[in-house]
N, C-alpha and C. Protein backbone atom coordinates (compact mmCIF):
# COMPACT_ATOMS: atom_id res chain seq x y z
N MET A 1 46.60 -26.44 26.65
CA MET A 1 45.51 -27.29 27.06
C MET A 1 45.66 -28.64 26.36
N ASN A 2 45.36 -29.71 27.07
CA ASN A 2 45.42 -31.04 26.48
C ASN A 2 44.03 -31.42 25.97
N LEU A 3 43.96 -31.98 24.78
CA LEU A 3 42.69 -32.40 24.18
C LEU A 3 42.75 -33.87 23.80
N GLU A 4 41.69 -34.60 24.15
CA GLU A 4 41.53 -35.99 23.69
C GLU A 4 40.15 -36.12 23.07
N ILE A 5 40.09 -36.73 21.88
CA ILE A 5 38.83 -37.05 21.23
C ILE A 5 38.77 -38.58 21.15
N LEU A 6 37.75 -39.16 21.80
CA LEU A 6 37.66 -40.61 21.92
C LEU A 6 36.33 -41.13 21.38
N THR A 7 36.38 -42.32 20.75
CA THR A 7 35.19 -43.07 20.38
C THR A 7 35.24 -44.38 21.17
N PRO A 8 34.17 -45.16 21.17
CA PRO A 8 34.24 -46.46 21.85
C PRO A 8 35.32 -47.38 21.27
N GLU A 9 35.71 -47.18 20.01
CA GLU A 9 36.67 -48.05 19.36
C GLU A 9 38.12 -47.57 19.46
N LYS A 10 38.35 -46.24 19.45
CA LYS A 10 39.72 -45.76 19.35
C LYS A 10 39.88 -44.34 19.85
N LYS A 11 41.15 -43.93 20.00
CA LYS A 11 41.50 -42.55 20.31
C LYS A 11 41.72 -41.84 18.98
N VAL A 12 40.91 -40.84 18.68
CA VAL A 12 40.97 -40.13 17.40
C VAL A 12 42.03 -39.04 17.42
N TYR A 13 42.13 -38.33 18.54
CA TYR A 13 43.10 -37.22 18.65
C TYR A 13 43.58 -37.12 20.09
N SER A 14 44.85 -36.81 20.26
CA SER A 14 45.40 -36.56 21.59
C SER A 14 46.59 -35.63 21.44
N GLY A 15 46.59 -34.51 22.17
CA GLY A 15 47.72 -33.60 22.10
C GLY A 15 47.43 -32.25 22.70
N GLU A 16 48.45 -31.41 22.74
CA GLU A 16 48.33 -30.05 23.23
C GLU A 16 47.74 -29.16 22.14
N VAL A 17 46.76 -28.32 22.52
CA VAL A 17 46.10 -27.44 21.57
C VAL A 17 45.93 -26.04 22.18
N TYR A 18 45.66 -25.08 21.31
CA TYR A 18 45.36 -23.71 21.72
C TYR A 18 43.91 -23.64 22.23
N GLY A 19 43.02 -24.41 21.57
CA GLY A 19 41.61 -24.43 21.94
C GLY A 19 40.84 -25.38 21.04
N VAL A 20 39.52 -25.46 21.28
CA VAL A 20 38.67 -26.32 20.46
C VAL A 20 37.28 -25.71 20.36
N GLN A 21 36.71 -25.74 19.15
CA GLN A 21 35.34 -25.29 18.92
C GLN A 21 34.46 -26.53 18.84
N LEU A 22 33.33 -26.51 19.58
CA LEU A 22 32.48 -27.69 19.69
C LEU A 22 31.03 -27.36 19.35
N PRO A 23 30.30 -28.33 18.77
CA PRO A 23 28.87 -28.13 18.45
C PRO A 23 27.99 -28.53 19.64
N GLY A 24 27.72 -27.60 20.54
CA GLY A 24 26.82 -27.88 21.65
C GLY A 24 25.40 -28.10 21.15
N ILE A 25 24.54 -28.65 21.98
CA ILE A 25 23.17 -28.92 21.53
C ILE A 25 22.37 -27.64 21.33
N THR A 26 22.83 -26.51 21.91
CA THR A 26 22.13 -25.24 21.70
C THR A 26 22.96 -24.27 20.86
N GLY A 27 24.09 -24.73 20.30
CA GLY A 27 24.91 -23.89 19.45
C GLY A 27 26.40 -24.12 19.67
N LEU A 28 27.21 -23.51 18.81
CA LEU A 28 28.66 -23.66 18.90
C LEU A 28 29.20 -22.95 20.13
N PHE A 29 30.26 -23.54 20.71
CA PHE A 29 30.99 -22.86 21.77
C PHE A 29 32.46 -23.24 21.67
N GLU A 30 33.30 -22.45 22.34
CA GLU A 30 34.74 -22.63 22.24
C GLU A 30 35.35 -22.79 23.63
N VAL A 31 36.30 -23.70 23.74
CA VAL A 31 37.02 -23.92 24.99
C VAL A 31 38.48 -23.57 24.74
N LEU A 32 39.01 -22.65 25.54
CA LEU A 32 40.41 -22.23 25.40
C LEU A 32 41.20 -22.63 26.64
N ASP A 33 42.50 -22.36 26.61
CA ASP A 33 43.40 -22.67 27.71
C ASP A 33 42.86 -22.14 29.04
N LYS A 34 42.96 -22.94 30.10
CA LYS A 34 42.55 -22.59 31.46
C LYS A 34 41.06 -22.30 31.59
N HIS A 35 40.23 -22.96 30.78
CA HIS A 35 38.77 -22.81 30.85
C HIS A 35 38.25 -23.36 32.17
N ALA A 36 37.18 -22.79 32.66
CA ALA A 36 36.54 -23.29 33.89
C ALA A 36 36.00 -24.70 33.65
N PRO A 37 35.89 -25.51 34.70
CA PRO A 37 35.34 -26.87 34.54
C PRO A 37 33.92 -26.84 33.96
N ILE A 38 33.65 -27.77 33.05
CA ILE A 38 32.33 -27.83 32.40
C ILE A 38 32.10 -29.25 31.88
N VAL A 39 30.84 -29.65 31.87
CA VAL A 39 30.41 -30.88 31.19
C VAL A 39 29.25 -30.46 30.31
N SER A 40 29.28 -30.86 29.03
CA SER A 40 28.23 -30.44 28.11
C SER A 40 27.93 -31.54 27.10
N ALA A 41 26.66 -31.62 26.71
CA ALA A 41 26.25 -32.52 25.63
C ALA A 41 26.59 -31.86 24.30
N LEU A 42 26.95 -32.69 23.32
CA LEU A 42 27.28 -32.19 21.99
C LEU A 42 26.27 -32.72 20.98
N GLY A 43 25.95 -31.88 20.00
CA GLY A 43 25.06 -32.28 18.94
C GLY A 43 25.84 -32.68 17.69
N LYS A 44 25.11 -32.97 16.63
CA LYS A 44 25.74 -33.30 15.35
C LYS A 44 26.39 -32.04 14.79
N GLY A 45 27.63 -32.18 14.30
CA GLY A 45 28.31 -31.02 13.73
C GLY A 45 29.79 -31.22 13.63
N LYS A 46 30.53 -30.09 13.60
CA LYS A 46 31.97 -30.12 13.35
C LYS A 46 32.74 -29.68 14.59
N ILE A 47 33.74 -30.49 14.96
CA ILE A 47 34.71 -30.10 15.98
C ILE A 47 35.89 -29.49 15.26
N LYS A 48 36.28 -28.29 15.67
CA LYS A 48 37.42 -27.62 15.06
C LYS A 48 38.53 -27.53 16.11
N VAL A 49 39.62 -28.27 15.89
CA VAL A 49 40.76 -28.29 16.80
C VAL A 49 41.69 -27.14 16.41
N LEU A 50 41.91 -26.22 17.35
CA LEU A 50 42.79 -25.08 17.11
C LEU A 50 44.18 -25.44 17.64
N LYS A 51 45.02 -25.98 16.77
CA LYS A 51 46.35 -26.43 17.19
C LYS A 51 47.20 -25.25 17.66
N ASP A 52 47.10 -24.13 16.97
CA ASP A 52 47.67 -22.86 17.40
C ASP A 52 46.84 -21.79 16.72
N LYS A 53 47.31 -20.55 16.71
CA LYS A 53 46.47 -19.47 16.18
C LYS A 53 46.26 -19.51 14.67
N THR A 54 47.03 -20.37 13.94
CA THR A 54 46.87 -20.43 12.49
C THR A 54 46.54 -21.83 11.95
N ASN A 55 46.89 -22.90 12.67
CA ASN A 55 46.66 -24.26 12.19
C ASN A 55 45.45 -24.89 12.86
N THR A 56 44.56 -25.47 12.04
CA THR A 56 43.37 -26.13 12.57
C THR A 56 43.20 -27.51 11.94
N GLU A 57 42.37 -28.31 12.59
CA GLU A 57 42.02 -29.64 12.10
C GLU A 57 40.55 -29.84 12.44
N SER A 58 39.77 -30.46 11.54
CA SER A 58 38.32 -30.58 11.77
C SER A 58 37.86 -32.03 11.72
N TYR A 59 36.82 -32.33 12.51
CA TYR A 59 36.20 -33.65 12.55
C TYR A 59 34.69 -33.48 12.56
N GLN A 60 33.97 -34.32 11.81
CA GLN A 60 32.51 -34.36 11.84
C GLN A 60 32.09 -35.39 12.88
N ILE A 61 31.14 -35.00 13.75
CA ILE A 61 30.67 -35.94 14.77
C ILE A 61 29.15 -36.09 14.69
N GLN A 62 28.66 -37.16 15.28
CA GLN A 62 27.22 -37.42 15.32
C GLN A 62 26.61 -36.98 16.64
N GLY A 63 27.44 -36.63 17.60
CA GLY A 63 26.98 -36.21 18.93
C GLY A 63 27.84 -36.85 19.99
N GLY A 64 27.72 -36.38 21.23
CA GLY A 64 28.50 -36.93 22.32
C GLY A 64 28.52 -36.00 23.50
N PHE A 65 29.64 -36.02 24.24
CA PHE A 65 29.80 -35.21 25.44
C PHE A 65 31.22 -34.68 25.51
N VAL A 66 31.39 -33.56 26.24
CA VAL A 66 32.72 -33.02 26.52
C VAL A 66 32.82 -32.74 28.02
N GLU A 67 33.99 -33.03 28.56
CA GLU A 67 34.30 -32.67 29.94
C GLU A 67 35.58 -31.87 29.93
N VAL A 68 35.57 -30.70 30.58
CA VAL A 68 36.76 -29.88 30.73
C VAL A 68 37.08 -29.80 32.21
N LEU A 69 38.30 -30.23 32.58
CA LEU A 69 38.71 -30.25 33.98
C LEU A 69 40.23 -30.20 34.05
N ASN A 70 40.75 -29.32 34.89
CA ASN A 70 42.21 -29.19 35.09
C ASN A 70 42.98 -29.00 33.79
N ASN A 71 42.50 -28.10 32.95
CA ASN A 71 43.13 -27.75 31.67
C ASN A 71 43.24 -28.93 30.71
N LYS A 72 42.29 -29.86 30.80
CA LYS A 72 42.21 -30.99 29.88
C LYS A 72 40.76 -31.11 29.40
N ALA A 73 40.58 -31.19 28.07
CA ALA A 73 39.26 -31.39 27.48
C ALA A 73 39.18 -32.81 26.94
N THR A 74 38.18 -33.56 27.40
CA THR A 74 37.96 -34.92 26.92
C THR A 74 36.64 -34.95 26.19
N VAL A 75 36.69 -35.29 24.90
CA VAL A 75 35.49 -35.34 24.05
C VAL A 75 35.17 -36.80 23.77
N LEU A 76 33.97 -37.23 24.17
CA LEU A 76 33.52 -38.61 23.93
C LEU A 76 32.43 -38.56 22.87
N VAL A 77 32.64 -39.27 21.76
CA VAL A 77 31.69 -39.23 20.64
C VAL A 77 31.39 -40.63 20.14
N GLU A 78 30.20 -40.78 19.56
CA GLU A 78 29.79 -42.07 18.99
C GLU A 78 30.46 -42.31 17.64
N GLY A 79 30.27 -41.40 16.72
CA GLY A 79 30.84 -41.55 15.39
C GLY A 79 31.62 -40.30 15.02
N VAL A 80 32.77 -40.49 14.37
CA VAL A 80 33.59 -39.33 13.98
C VAL A 80 34.30 -39.65 12.65
N GLU A 81 34.43 -38.61 11.83
CA GLU A 81 35.24 -38.73 10.61
C GLU A 81 35.95 -37.41 10.38
N GLU A 82 37.16 -37.49 9.83
CA GLU A 82 37.93 -36.29 9.57
C GLU A 82 37.27 -35.50 8.46
N ALA A 83 37.09 -34.21 8.70
CA ALA A 83 36.40 -33.36 7.72
C ALA A 83 37.38 -32.74 6.75
């Protein structure tokens, strides 16, 4: 699955991943390879990028949105910092 994390200023992350854990406004959820199409609002919290089954990378966000379509997840956020 391809993942992009974008802010209005820059591209924070772009690459192939195993999956991603996201802070939805009603709780955490996970998007894996070949996930059904979805658009969701994100709350304040931590995005956990699952590069493979053992390597991860985390980012703190202030909120935003995610769109999953055609095995690509695009995360649009206002503020982000590496956790």
